Amino acid sequence: MMDWISQNSSAITALTSVCTLFVWLFYAQLLYLNFRRQRQPKIIINRGFGRTLQARCVISNMSPEPIFIEHIVAILHSDREAISKDLIDFEESPDKQGESGRLIETTRQGPMLSGSYNHIGTFHDIVGRVLRANGLPSDDFQSTDGRTLQSIELRVIAVYGSEDSPVGAARTFSLTMGESGEALVPTRLVTRRYASRLRRHRVRQWIRELDG
């Protein structure tokens, strides 16, 4: 046995080196994937202060770096069709039209620091604004033209850190009516992130739809 090892020492050494290299490559890949996961943007869309339409829509930036919010889009899905509205700018009231205000009072566009959060109003207000923007006055779940709202989808489009390509986040809440009244139920446990190369292509499609 010792003679065989001595005769094949060069081959054994080479094989050991190759195995060691593969082990180091494996751990290096794990470290890289863990580092990449920790550096990815993470935007959370949630409801706060209740489960009804009076709950607030909360957006949080749990990314390691700040993000710059470019668009916040609400999409209402009904038994007929989907309608949408970009909520990035505040709705201008008739008594304040023509007045110049501070930027923070006219738009939600801007930076959001890491670990910070903000709400964009109640879901009831969001639903009402989307319907008004599409010429459809409403009474909660039922629109005046007979359509019934089924769910509301929120999309956030942002730029992360020093990156140029936009990232996104989306979450859908079903609108249900029970014995205790209306309820908002998220269709997924977590917010869907659009940070990979393939999903960022989808975010760019969102932007083209808004610009169109």
N, C-alpha and C. Protein backbone atom coordinates (compact mmCIF):
# COMPACT_ATOMS: atom_id res chain seq x y z
N MET A 1 0.83 -1.20 0.00
CA MET A 1 0.00 0.00 0.00
C MET A 1 0.87 1.26 0.00
N MET A 2 1.87 1.26 0.87
CA MET A 2 2.76 2.41 0.94
C MET A 2 3.54 2.56 -0.34
N ASP A 3 3.91 1.40 -0.94
CA ASP A 3 4.64 1.48 -2.21
C ASP A 3 3.75 2.09 -3.30
N TRP A 4 2.46 1.70 -3.30
CA TRP A 4 1.55 2.23 -4.31
C TRP A 4 1.34 3.73 -4.14
N ILE A 5 1.24 4.15 -2.88
CA ILE A 5 1.08 5.58 -2.61
C ILE A 5 2.32 6.35 -3.05
N SER A 6 3.48 5.76 -2.75
CA SER A 6 4.73 6.41 -3.13
C SER A 6 4.86 6.52 -4.64
N GLN A 7 4.44 5.48 -5.35
CA GLN A 7 4.55 5.47 -6.80
C GLN A 7 3.55 6.42 -7.46
N ASN A 8 2.44 6.65 -6.81
CA ASN A 8 1.39 7.49 -7.40
C ASN A 8 1.21 8.80 -6.62
N SER A 9 2.23 9.22 -5.93
CA SER A 9 2.13 10.42 -5.11
C SER A 9 1.81 11.66 -5.93
N SER A 10 2.37 11.75 -7.12
CA SER A 10 2.11 12.93 -7.96
C SER A 10 0.63 13.01 -8.35
N ALA A 11 0.08 11.85 -8.74
CA ALA A 11 -1.32 11.83 -9.14
C ALA A 11 -2.23 12.12 -7.95
N ILE A 12 -1.88 11.55 -6.79
CA ILE A 12 -2.69 11.79 -5.59
C ILE A 12 -2.65 13.26 -5.20
N THR A 13 -1.47 13.87 -5.29
CA THR A 13 -1.34 15.29 -4.96
C THR A 13 -2.17 16.16 -5.90
N ALA A 14 -2.13 15.83 -7.19
CA ALA A 14 -2.90 16.60 -8.17
C ALA A 14 -4.40 16.45 -7.92
N LEU A 15 -4.83 15.20 -7.63
CA LEU A 15 -6.25 14.97 -7.36
C LEU A 15 -6.71 15.71 -6.11
N THR A 16 -5.84 15.70 -5.07
CA THR A 16 -6.16 16.42 -3.84
C THR A 16 -6.28 17.92 -4.09
N SER A 17 -5.39 18.44 -4.92
CA SER A 17 -5.43 19.88 -5.24
C SER A 17 -6.71 20.24 -5.99
N VAL A 18 -7.11 19.37 -6.93
CA VAL A 18 -8.34 19.62 -7.68
C VAL A 18 -9.56 19.59 -6.76
N CYS A 19 -9.60 18.59 -5.86
CA CYS A 19 -10.72 18.50 -4.93
C CYS A 19 -10.77 19.71 -4.01
N THR A 20 -9.60 20.16 -3.54
CA THR A 20 -9.54 21.35 -2.69
C THR A 20 -10.03 22.58 -3.43
N LEU A 21 -9.65 22.66 -4.73
CA LEU A 21 -10.10 23.80 -5.54
C LEU A 21 -11.61 23.81 -5.67
N PHE A 22 -12.20 22.64 -5.92
CA PHE A 22 -13.65 22.58 -6.05
C PHE A 22 -14.34 22.95 -4.73
N VAL A 23 -13.78 22.56 -3.60
CA VAL A 23 -14.35 22.92 -2.31
C VAL A 23 -14.32 24.43 -2.11
N TRP A 24 -13.18 25.05 -2.43
CA TRP A 24 -13.06 26.50 -2.28
C TRP A 24 -14.00 27.24 -3.24
N LEU A 25 -14.15 26.70 -4.46
CA LEU A 25 -15.07 27.32 -5.41
C LEU A 25 -16.51 27.21 -4.91
N PHE A 26 -16.84 26.09 -4.29
CA PHE A 26 -18.18 25.91 -3.76
C PHE A 26 -18.47 26.92 -2.66
N TYR A 27 -17.53 27.09 -1.72
CA TYR A 27 -17.74 28.05 -0.63
C TYR A 27 -17.71 29.49 -1.15
N ALA A 28 -16.86 29.74 -2.16
CA ALA A 28 -16.83 31.08 -2.74
C ALA A 28 -18.17 31.43 -3.40
N GLN A 29 -18.77 30.42 -4.07
CA GLN A 29 -20.07 30.64 -4.68
C GLN A 29 -21.14 30.93 -3.63
N LEU A 30 -21.09 30.19 -2.52
CA LEU A 30 -22.06 30.43 -1.44
C LEU A 30 -21.90 31.83 -0.86
N LEU A 31 -20.66 32.25 -0.65
CA LEU A 31 -20.40 33.59 -0.12
C LEU A 31 -20.89 34.66 -1.08
N TYR A 32 -20.65 34.44 -2.38
CA TYR A 32 -21.07 35.42 -3.38
C TYR A 32 -22.59 35.53 -3.43
N LEU A 33 -23.26 34.38 -3.44
CA LEU A 33 -24.72 34.39 -3.49
C LEU A 33 -25.32 35.05 -2.26
N ASN A 34 -24.71 34.79 -1.09
CA ASN A 34 -25.19 35.41 0.14
C ASN A 34 -24.97 36.92 0.12
N PHE A 35 -23.80 37.34 -0.38
CA PHE A 35 -23.50 38.77 -0.49
C PHE A 35 -24.45 39.44 -1.47
N ARG A 36 -24.69 38.77 -2.60
CA ARG A 36 -25.59 39.34 -3.61
C ARG A 36 -27.01 39.45 -3.07
N ARG A 37 -27.46 38.43 -2.32
CA ARG A 37 -28.80 38.46 -1.76
C ARG A 37 -28.96 39.61 -0.77
N GLN A 38 -27.91 39.83 0.04
CA GLN A 38 -27.99 40.91 1.03
C GLN A 38 -27.95 42.29 0.39
N ARG A 39 -27.35 42.41 -0.80
CA ARG A 39 -27.24 43.69 -1.45
C ARG A 39 -28.41 44.01 -2.37
N GLN A 40 -29.30 43.06 -2.60
CA GLN A 40 -30.42 43.29 -3.49
C GLN A 40 -31.45 44.23 -2.86
N PRO A 41 -32.11 45.03 -3.69
CA PRO A 41 -33.15 45.91 -3.16
C PRO A 41 -34.34 45.11 -2.64
N LYS A 42 -34.96 45.61 -1.59
CA LYS A 42 -36.13 44.94 -1.01
C LYS A 42 -37.14 46.00 -0.62
N ILE A 43 -38.19 46.09 -1.42
CA ILE A 43 -39.28 47.03 -1.18
C ILE A 43 -40.50 46.23 -0.74
N ILE A 44 -41.11 46.65 0.35
CA ILE A 44 -42.25 45.93 0.90
C ILE A 44 -43.50 46.79 0.79
N ILE A 45 -44.57 46.19 0.28
CA ILE A 45 -45.88 46.85 0.20
C ILE A 45 -46.82 46.11 1.14
N ASN A 46 -47.44 46.83 2.04
CA ASN A 46 -48.28 46.16 3.04
C ASN A 46 -49.45 47.07 3.42
N ARG A 47 -50.35 46.52 4.17
CA ARG A 47 -51.46 47.29 4.72
C ARG A 47 -51.17 47.56 6.19
N GLY A 48 -51.65 48.67 6.69
CA GLY A 48 -51.43 49.02 8.08
C GLY A 48 -52.68 49.60 8.70
N PHE A 49 -52.84 49.40 9.98
CA PHE A 49 -53.97 49.95 10.73
C PHE A 49 -55.29 49.36 10.24
N GLY A 50 -55.36 48.03 10.24
CA GLY A 50 -56.61 47.39 9.91
C GLY A 50 -56.53 46.53 8.67
N ARG A 51 -57.67 45.88 8.37
CA ARG A 51 -57.77 44.99 7.23
C ARG A 51 -58.86 45.44 6.25
N THR A 52 -59.49 46.55 6.52
CA THR A 52 -60.57 47.04 5.66
C THR A 52 -60.02 48.04 4.65
N LEU A 53 -60.93 48.63 3.89
CA LEU A 53 -60.51 49.65 2.93
C LEU A 53 -59.98 50.90 3.61
N GLN A 54 -60.23 51.05 4.90
CA GLN A 54 -59.70 52.19 5.65
C GLN A 54 -58.26 51.95 6.09
N ALA A 55 -57.72 50.76 5.84
CA ALA A 55 -56.32 50.49 6.16
C ALA A 55 -55.41 51.34 5.27
N ARG A 56 -54.27 51.68 5.79
CA ARG A 56 -53.32 52.49 5.04
C ARG A 56 -52.38 51.59 4.21
N CYS A 57 -52.05 52.05 3.04
CA CYS A 57 -51.09 51.34 2.19
C CYS A 57 -49.69 51.82 2.56
N VAL A 58 -48.89 50.92 3.10
CA VAL A 58 -47.57 51.26 3.62
C VAL A 58 -46.49 50.72 2.69
N ILE A 59 -45.54 51.57 2.35
CA ILE A 59 -44.40 51.19 1.52
C ILE A 59 -43.14 51.35 2.35
N SER A 60 -42.34 50.29 2.42
CA SER A 60 -41.12 50.29 3.23
C SER A 60 -39.93 49.96 2.35
N ASN A 61 -38.80 50.60 2.65
CA ASN A 61 -37.54 50.30 1.96
C ASN A 61 -36.64 49.54 2.91
N MET A 62 -36.58 48.22 2.75
CA MET A 62 -35.73 47.39 3.59
C MET A 62 -34.42 47.03 2.88
N SER A 63 -34.08 47.80 1.87
CA SER A 63 -32.82 47.58 1.13
C SER A 63 -31.64 48.10 1.94
N PRO A 64 -30.43 47.59 1.66
CA PRO A 64 -29.26 48.10 2.36
C PRO A 64 -28.93 49.56 2.01
N GLU A 65 -29.43 50.05 0.86
CA GLU A 65 -29.15 51.41 0.42
C GLU A 65 -30.46 52.14 0.12
N PRO A 66 -30.40 53.45 -0.02
CA PRO A 66 -31.61 54.21 -0.35
C PRO A 66 -32.13 53.85 -1.74
N ILE A 67 -33.40 54.14 -1.97
CA ILE A 67 -34.00 54.00 -3.29
C ILE A 67 -34.60 55.35 -3.68
N PHE A 68 -34.78 55.53 -4.98
CA PHE A 68 -35.46 56.73 -5.48
C PHE A 68 -36.75 56.28 -6.13
N ILE A 69 -37.87 56.65 -5.54
CA ILE A 69 -39.17 56.22 -6.05
C ILE A 69 -39.55 57.07 -7.26
N GLU A 70 -39.86 56.40 -8.37
CA GLU A 70 -40.24 57.09 -9.59
C GLU A 70 -41.74 57.01 -9.86
N HIS A 71 -42.34 55.85 -9.59
CA HIS A 71 -43.77 55.68 -9.86
C HIS A 71 -44.39 54.79 -8.78
N ILE A 72 -45.63 55.09 -8.44
CA ILE A 72 -46.45 54.23 -7.59
C ILE A 72 -47.78 54.06 -8.33
N VAL A 73 -48.01 52.86 -8.82
CA VAL A 73 -49.15 52.61 -9.69
C VAL A 73 -50.17 51.72 -8.97
N ALA A 74 -51.42 52.12 -9.03
CA ALA A 74 -52.51 51.31 -8.48
C ALA A 74 -53.35 50.79 -9.65
N ILE A 75 -53.63 49.49 -9.64
CA ILE A 75 -54.41 48.85 -10.69
C ILE A 75 -55.61 48.17 -10.05
N LEU A 76 -56.80 48.53 -10.48
CA LEU A 76 -58.02 47.92 -9.97
C LEU A 76 -58.49 46.85 -10.95
N HIS A 77 -58.66 45.64 -10.44
CA HIS A 77 -59.17 44.53 -11.24
C HIS A 77 -60.63 44.31 -10.87
N SER A 78 -61.47 44.28 -11.88
CA SER A 78 -62.90 44.09 -11.67
C SER A 78 -63.39 42.90 -12.48
N ASP A 79 -64.71 42.67 -12.47
CA ASP A 79 -65.27 41.59 -13.25
C ASP A 79 -65.37 41.94 -14.74
N ARG A 80 -64.88 43.13 -15.10
CA ARG A 80 -64.90 43.53 -16.51
C ARG A 80 -63.48 43.73 -17.05
N GLU A 81 -62.78 44.69 -16.49
CA GLU A 81 -61.45 45.03 -17.00
C GLU A 81 -60.62 45.63 -15.89
N ALA A 82 -59.34 45.84 -16.18
CA ALA A 82 -58.44 46.46 -15.22
C ALA A 82 -58.23 47.92 -15.60
N ILE A 83 -58.26 48.79 -14.60
CA ILE A 83 -57.99 50.21 -14.81
C ILE A 83 -56.90 50.62 -13.84
N SER A 84 -56.14 51.64 -14.20
CA SER A 84 -54.97 51.99 -13.39
C SER A 84 -54.80 53.50 -13.30
N LYS A 85 -53.92 53.89 -12.38
CA LYS A 85 -53.59 55.29 -12.19
C LYS A 85 -52.24 55.39 -11.49
N ASP A 86 -51.37 56.26 -11.99
CA ASP A 86 -50.10 56.53 -11.34
C ASP A 86 -50.34 57.52 -10.19
N LEU A 87 -50.01 57.07 -8.97
CA LEU A 87 -50.30 57.88 -7.79
C LEU A 87 -49.09 58.69 -7.32
N ILE A 88 -48.08 58.82 -8.17
CA ILE A 88 -46.84 59.45 -7.72
C ILE A 88 -47.05 60.92 -7.36
N ASP A 89 -47.98 61.57 -8.05
CA ASP A 89 -48.30 62.97 -7.74
C ASP A 89 -49.57 63.03 -6.91
N PHE A 90 -49.62 63.95 -5.97
CA PHE A 90 -50.81 64.12 -5.16
C PHE A 90 -51.96 64.65 -6.01
N GLU A 91 -53.16 64.28 -5.62
CA GLU A 91 -54.34 64.77 -6.33
C GLU A 91 -54.55 66.23 -5.98
N GLU A 92 -54.68 67.05 -6.99
CA GLU A 92 -54.82 68.49 -6.77
C GLU A 92 -56.28 68.83 -6.49
N SER A 93 -56.51 69.47 -5.35
CA SER A 93 -57.87 69.87 -5.01
C SER A 93 -58.26 71.12 -5.79
N PRO A 94 -59.53 71.28 -6.09
CA PRO A 94 -59.98 72.43 -6.91
C PRO A 94 -59.64 73.77 -6.28
N ASP A 95 -59.67 73.87 -4.95
CA ASP A 95 -59.43 75.16 -4.31
C ASP A 95 -57.95 75.52 -4.26
N LYS A 96 -57.08 74.58 -4.67
CA LYS A 96 -55.64 74.87 -4.64
C LYS A 96 -55.02 74.82 -6.03
N GLN A 97 -55.85 74.72 -7.06
CA GLN A 97 -55.32 74.68 -8.41
C GLN A 97 -54.65 76.00 -8.74
N GLY A 98 -53.47 75.86 -9.37
CA GLY A 98 -52.72 77.06 -9.74
C GLY A 98 -51.78 77.55 -8.68
N GLU A 99 -51.90 77.06 -7.46
CA GLU A 99 -51.00 77.48 -6.40
C GLU A 99 -49.70 76.69 -6.49
N SER A 100 -48.60 77.35 -6.22
CA SER A 100 -47.30 76.69 -6.21
C SER A 100 -46.96 76.30 -4.78
N GLY A 101 -46.67 75.03 -4.57
CA GLY A 101 -46.32 74.56 -3.25
C GLY A 101 -44.95 73.92 -3.24
N ARG A 102 -44.53 73.48 -2.09
CA ARG A 102 -43.26 72.79 -1.99
C ARG A 102 -43.35 71.46 -2.71
N LEU A 103 -42.20 70.97 -3.19
CA LEU A 103 -42.17 69.72 -3.95
C LEU A 103 -42.73 68.57 -3.14
N ILE A 104 -42.42 68.54 -1.84
CA ILE A 104 -42.88 67.45 -0.99
C ILE A 104 -44.39 67.45 -0.84
N GLU A 105 -45.04 68.59 -1.13
CA GLU A 105 -46.48 68.69 -1.02
C GLU A 105 -47.20 68.37 -2.33
N THR A 106 -46.44 68.14 -3.40
CA THR A 106 -47.05 67.90 -4.70
C THR A 106 -46.75 66.52 -5.28
N THR A 107 -45.72 65.85 -4.80
CA THR A 107 -45.35 64.56 -5.37
C THR A 107 -44.74 63.65 -4.32
N ARG A 108 -44.90 62.34 -4.55
CA ARG A 108 -44.25 61.33 -3.71
C ARG A 108 -42.93 60.88 -4.31
N GLN A 109 -42.61 61.41 -5.47
CA GLN A 109 -41.35 61.05 -6.12
C GLN A 109 -40.18 61.58 -5.31
N GLY A 110 -39.17 60.75 -5.11
CA GLY A 110 -38.02 61.18 -4.35
C GLY A 110 -37.34 60.04 -3.63
N PRO A 111 -36.28 60.33 -2.90
CA PRO A 111 -35.52 59.27 -2.23
C PRO A 111 -36.21 58.75 -0.98
N MET A 112 -35.98 57.47 -0.70
CA MET A 112 -36.44 56.85 0.53
C MET A 112 -35.25 56.13 1.15
N LEU A 113 -34.91 56.52 2.36
CA LEU A 113 -33.73 55.99 3.01
C LEU A 113 -33.92 54.53 3.39
N SER A 114 -32.81 53.85 3.58
CA SER A 114 -32.84 52.45 4.01
C SER A 114 -33.50 52.34 5.39
N GLY A 115 -34.43 51.43 5.53
CA GLY A 115 -35.12 51.23 6.80
C GLY A 115 -36.26 52.17 7.05
N SER A 116 -36.58 53.02 6.09
CA SER A 116 -37.67 53.98 6.28
C SER A 116 -38.96 53.46 5.63
N TYR A 117 -40.07 54.09 5.98
CA TYR A 117 -41.35 53.70 5.42
C TYR A 117 -42.27 54.91 5.37
N ASN A 118 -43.32 54.78 4.58
CA ASN A 118 -44.31 55.85 4.46
C ASN A 118 -45.61 55.25 3.96
N HIS A 119 -46.71 55.94 4.16
CA HIS A 119 -47.98 55.45 3.63
C HIS A 119 -48.48 56.42 2.57
N ILE A 120 -49.24 55.88 1.63
CA ILE A 120 -49.71 56.69 0.51
C ILE A 120 -51.22 56.91 0.60
N GLY A 121 -51.76 56.80 1.79
CA GLY A 121 -53.18 57.00 1.99
C GLY A 121 -53.89 55.69 2.25
N THR A 122 -55.18 55.76 2.46
CA THR A 122 -55.96 54.55 2.70
C THR A 122 -56.29 53.88 1.37
N PHE A 123 -56.59 52.58 1.44
CA PHE A 123 -56.98 51.86 0.24
C PHE A 123 -58.28 52.42 -0.32
N HIS A 124 -59.15 52.90 0.56
CA HIS A 124 -60.40 53.51 0.11
C HIS A 124 -60.11 54.73 -0.74
N ASP A 125 -59.18 55.58 -0.30
CA ASP A 125 -58.83 56.76 -1.08
C ASP A 125 -58.17 56.38 -2.40
N ILE A 126 -57.33 55.33 -2.37
CA ILE A 126 -56.65 54.89 -3.59
C ILE A 126 -57.67 54.39 -4.61
N VAL A 127 -58.61 53.57 -4.15
CA VAL A 127 -59.66 53.06 -5.05
C VAL A 127 -60.46 54.21 -5.65
N GLY A 128 -60.85 55.16 -4.80
CA GLY A 128 -61.62 56.30 -5.28
C GLY A 128 -60.86 57.12 -6.30
N ARG A 129 -59.57 57.31 -6.08
CA ARG A 129 -58.79 58.13 -7.02
C ARG A 129 -58.65 57.44 -8.37
N VAL A 130 -58.42 56.12 -8.37
CA VAL A 130 -58.30 55.40 -9.64
C VAL A 130 -59.61 55.45 -10.41
N LEU A 131 -60.71 55.26 -9.71
CA LEU A 131 -62.02 55.30 -10.37
C LEU A 131 -62.32 56.69 -10.92
N ARG A 132 -62.03 57.72 -10.15
CA ARG A 132 -62.28 59.09 -10.63
C ARG A 132 -61.42 59.40 -11.86
N ALA A 133 -60.17 58.92 -11.83
CA ALA A 133 -59.27 59.18 -12.95
C ALA A 133 -59.76 58.53 -14.23
N ASN A 134 -60.55 57.48 -14.09
CA ASN A 134 -61.10 56.78 -15.25
C ASN A 134 -62.58 57.10 -15.48
N GLY A 135 -63.05 58.17 -14.81
CA GLY A 135 -64.43 58.61 -15.01
C GLY A 135 -65.47 57.68 -14.45
N LEU A 136 -65.15 57.01 -13.35
CA LEU A 136 -66.07 56.03 -12.76
C LEU A 136 -66.28 56.34 -11.28
N PRO A 137 -67.24 57.17 -10.92
CA PRO A 137 -67.58 57.36 -9.50
C PRO A 137 -68.00 56.03 -8.90
N SER A 138 -67.74 55.85 -7.60
CA SER A 138 -67.97 54.53 -7.00
C SER A 138 -68.63 54.64 -5.64
N ASP A 139 -69.10 53.48 -5.23
CA ASP A 139 -69.61 53.30 -3.87
C ASP A 139 -68.94 52.06 -3.31
N ASP A 140 -67.71 52.25 -2.83
CA ASP A 140 -66.88 51.16 -2.31
C ASP A 140 -66.65 50.08 -3.37
N PHE A 141 -67.24 48.88 -3.20
CA PHE A 141 -66.96 47.77 -4.09
C PHE A 141 -67.72 47.87 -5.41
N GLN A 142 -68.79 48.63 -5.43
CA GLN A 142 -69.65 48.64 -6.60
C GLN A 142 -69.51 49.97 -7.32
N SER A 143 -69.15 49.93 -8.60
CA SER A 143 -69.07 51.13 -9.39
C SER A 143 -70.44 51.48 -9.94
N THR A 144 -70.64 52.74 -10.30
CA THR A 144 -71.95 53.17 -10.77
C THR A 144 -72.32 52.55 -12.12
N ASP A 145 -71.34 52.04 -12.86
CA ASP A 145 -71.66 51.43 -14.15
C ASP A 145 -71.90 49.92 -14.01
N GLY A 146 -71.95 49.41 -12.77
CA GLY A 146 -72.30 48.02 -12.55
C GLY A 146 -71.15 47.06 -12.34
N ARG A 147 -69.91 47.51 -12.54
CA ARG A 147 -68.78 46.60 -12.35
C ARG A 147 -68.47 46.43 -10.86
N THR A 148 -67.98 45.24 -10.50
CA THR A 148 -67.64 44.94 -9.12
C THR A 148 -66.13 44.80 -8.98
N LEU A 149 -65.55 45.53 -8.05
CA LEU A 149 -64.11 45.46 -7.83
C LEU A 149 -63.75 44.13 -7.18
N GLN A 150 -62.67 43.53 -7.66
CA GLN A 150 -62.23 42.24 -7.14
C GLN A 150 -60.91 42.31 -6.40
N SER A 151 -59.99 43.13 -6.88
CA SER A 151 -58.68 43.23 -6.22
C SER A 151 -58.00 44.53 -6.60
N ILE A 152 -57.03 44.91 -5.80
CA ILE A 152 -56.22 46.09 -6.08
C ILE A 152 -54.76 45.69 -6.06
N GLU A 153 -54.05 46.05 -7.10
CA GLU A 153 -52.62 45.74 -7.24
C GLU A 153 -51.82 47.03 -7.13
N LEU A 154 -50.78 47.00 -6.30
CA LEU A 154 -49.90 48.14 -6.12
C LEU A 154 -48.53 47.82 -6.70
N ARG A 155 -48.00 48.73 -7.49
CA ARG A 155 -46.66 48.57 -8.07
C ARG A 155 -45.81 49.77 -7.71
N VAL A 156 -44.58 49.49 -7.32
CA VAL A 156 -43.61 50.55 -7.02
C VAL A 156 -42.45 50.40 -8.00
N ILE A 157 -42.11 51.48 -8.68
CA ILE A 157 -40.97 51.51 -9.59
C ILE A 157 -39.94 52.47 -9.01
N ALA A 158 -38.71 52.00 -8.86
CA ALA A 158 -37.69 52.80 -8.19
C ALA A 158 -36.33 52.55 -8.81
N VAL A 159 -35.40 53.42 -8.48
CA VAL A 159 -33.99 53.26 -8.84
C VAL A 159 -33.24 52.97 -7.56
N TYR A 160 -32.41 51.93 -7.57
CA TYR A 160 -31.74 51.48 -6.36
C TYR A 160 -30.28 51.93 -6.34
N GLY A 161 -29.92 52.67 -5.30
CA GLY A 161 -28.53 53.07 -5.11
C GLY A 161 -27.96 53.78 -6.32
N SER A 162 -26.79 53.32 -6.75
CA SER A 162 -26.12 53.92 -7.90
C SER A 162 -26.45 53.21 -9.21
N GLU A 163 -27.36 52.24 -9.17
CA GLU A 163 -27.71 51.50 -10.38
C GLU A 163 -28.57 52.35 -11.30
N ASP A 164 -28.46 52.09 -12.60
CA ASP A 164 -29.24 52.84 -13.58
C ASP A 164 -30.54 52.12 -13.94
N SER A 165 -30.52 50.80 -13.92
CA SER A 165 -31.69 50.04 -14.31
C SER A 165 -32.73 50.07 -13.20
N PRO A 166 -34.00 50.36 -13.52
CA PRO A 166 -35.03 50.44 -12.48
C PRO A 166 -35.38 49.08 -11.90
N VAL A 167 -35.81 49.08 -10.66
CA VAL A 167 -36.28 47.87 -9.99
C VAL A 167 -37.75 48.09 -9.62
N GLY A 168 -38.40 47.02 -9.23
CA GLY A 168 -39.81 47.15 -8.92
C GLY A 168 -40.27 46.24 -7.82
N ALA A 169 -41.47 46.48 -7.36
CA ALA A 169 -42.13 45.64 -6.36
C ALA A 169 -43.62 45.69 -6.64
N ALA A 170 -44.30 44.58 -6.38
CA ALA A 170 -45.75 44.53 -6.63
C ALA A 170 -46.41 43.61 -5.62
N ARG A 171 -47.63 43.97 -5.26
CA ARG A 171 -48.43 43.12 -4.37
C ARG A 171 -49.90 43.37 -4.64
N THR A 172 -50.68 42.30 -4.61
CA THR A 172 -52.10 42.37 -4.90
C THR A 172 -52.90 42.01 -3.66
N PHE A 173 -53.97 42.77 -3.42
CA PHE A 173 -54.87 42.53 -2.30
C PHE A 173 -56.27 42.26 -2.85
N SER A 174 -56.84 41.12 -2.47
CA SER A 174 -58.20 40.80 -2.88
C SER A 174 -59.19 41.60 -2.04
N LEU A 175 -60.27 42.02 -2.68
CA LEU A 175 -61.34 42.74 -1.99
C LEU A 175 -62.49 41.77 -1.78
N THR A 176 -62.75 41.43 -0.55
CA THR A 176 -63.80 40.47 -0.24
C THR A 176 -64.82 41.10 0.72
N MET A 177 -66.01 40.57 0.69
CA MET A 177 -67.07 41.05 1.57
C MET A 177 -67.54 39.91 2.45
N GLY A 178 -67.41 40.06 3.75
CA GLY A 178 -67.84 39.04 4.70
C GLY A 178 -68.93 39.56 5.61
N GLU A 179 -69.24 38.79 6.64
CA GLU A 179 -70.29 39.19 7.58
C GLU A 179 -69.91 40.45 8.35
N SER A 180 -68.61 40.63 8.58
CA SER A 180 -68.15 41.80 9.33
C SER A 180 -67.80 42.98 8.43
N GLY A 181 -68.06 42.85 7.15
CA GLY A 181 -67.78 43.94 6.22
C GLY A 181 -66.69 43.58 5.24
N GLU A 182 -66.21 44.61 4.53
CA GLU A 182 -65.18 44.37 3.52
C GLU A 182 -63.84 44.06 4.17
N ALA A 183 -63.00 43.35 3.42
CA ALA A 183 -61.69 42.98 3.94
C ALA A 183 -60.67 42.97 2.80
N LEU A 184 -59.44 43.36 3.12
CA LEU A 184 -58.32 43.30 2.20
C LEU A 184 -57.48 42.08 2.54
N VAL A 185 -57.32 41.17 1.59
CA VAL A 185 -56.57 39.95 1.83
C VAL A 185 -55.44 39.86 0.81
N PRO A 186 -54.18 39.89 1.23
CA PRO A 186 -53.08 39.77 0.25
C PRO A 186 -53.09 38.41 -0.42
N THR A 187 -52.86 38.40 -1.72
CA THR A 187 -52.86 37.14 -2.46
C THR A 187 -51.55 36.38 -2.30
N ARG A 188 -50.50 37.04 -1.85
CA ARG A 188 -49.21 36.41 -1.58
C ARG A 188 -48.74 36.80 -0.19
N LEU A 189 -47.95 35.92 0.43
CA LEU A 189 -47.45 36.22 1.78
C LEU A 189 -46.46 37.37 1.78
N VAL A 190 -45.73 37.53 0.70
CA VAL A 190 -44.69 38.57 0.64
C VAL A 190 -44.85 39.37 -0.64
N THR A 191 -44.21 40.53 -0.66
CA THR A 191 -44.20 41.37 -1.84
C THR A 191 -43.31 40.74 -2.91
N ARG A 192 -43.79 40.73 -4.14
CA ARG A 192 -43.00 40.18 -5.24
C ARG A 192 -41.95 41.22 -5.65
N ARG A 193 -40.69 40.79 -5.67
CA ARG A 193 -39.60 41.69 -6.04
C ARG A 193 -39.24 41.53 -7.51
N TYR A 194 -38.93 42.66 -8.13
CA TYR A 194 -38.48 42.66 -9.52
C TYR A 194 -37.08 43.27 -9.56
N ALA A 195 -36.10 42.44 -9.21
CA ALA A 195 -34.71 42.93 -9.12
C ALA A 195 -33.76 42.15 -10.02
N SER A 196 -34.14 40.97 -10.46
CA SER A 196 -33.27 40.21 -11.35
C SER A 196 -33.29 40.82 -12.75
N ARG A 197 -32.36 40.39 -13.58
CA ARG A 197 -32.27 40.96 -14.93
C ARG A 197 -33.56 40.73 -15.72
N LEU A 198 -34.12 39.53 -15.62
CA LEU A 198 -35.34 39.22 -16.35
C LEU A 198 -36.52 40.04 -15.84
N ARG A 199 -36.63 40.15 -14.53
CA ARG A 199 -37.76 40.88 -13.96
C ARG A 199 -37.60 42.39 -14.14
N ARG A 200 -36.36 42.88 -14.22
CA ARG A 200 -36.19 44.31 -14.49
C ARG A 200 -36.69 44.65 -15.89
N HIS A 201 -36.60 43.70 -16.80
CA HIS A 201 -37.17 43.91 -18.13
C HIS A 201 -38.67 44.14 -18.03
N ARG A 202 -39.31 43.42 -17.13
CA ARG A 202 -40.75 43.61 -16.89
C ARG A 202 -41.02 45.00 -16.33
N VAL A 203 -40.16 45.50 -15.45
CA VAL A 203 -40.33 46.85 -14.90
C VAL A 203 -40.23 47.89 -16.01
N ARG A 204 -39.31 47.71 -16.93
CA ARG A 204 -39.20 48.64 -18.05
C ARG A 204 -40.46 48.62 -18.91
N GLN A 205 -41.10 47.46 -19.01
CA GLN A 205 -42.38 47.40 -19.71
C GLN A 205 -43.45 48.22 -18.98
N TRP A 206 -43.44 48.15 -17.65
CA TRP A 206 -44.37 48.98 -16.87
C TRP A 206 -44.18 50.46 -17.21
N ILE A 207 -42.92 50.88 -17.27
CA ILE A 207 -42.62 52.29 -17.54
C ILE A 207 -43.10 52.68 -18.94
N ARG A 208 -42.89 51.81 -19.92
CA ARG A 208 -43.34 52.09 -21.28
C ARG A 208 -44.87 52.20 -21.33
N GLU A 209 -45.56 51.38 -20.54
CA GLU A 209 -47.02 51.45 -20.49
C GLU A 209 -47.47 52.80 -19.90
N LEU A 210 -46.74 53.28 -18.88
CA LEU A 210 -47.09 54.57 -18.28
C LEU A 210 -46.81 55.72 -19.25
N ASP A 211 -45.71 55.64 -19.97
CA ASP A 211 -45.35 56.70 -20.91
C ASP A 211 -46.23 56.68 -22.15
N GLY A 212 -46.79 55.48 -22.44
CA GLY A 212 -47.64 55.38 -23.63
C GLY A 212 -48.99 56.02 -23.37
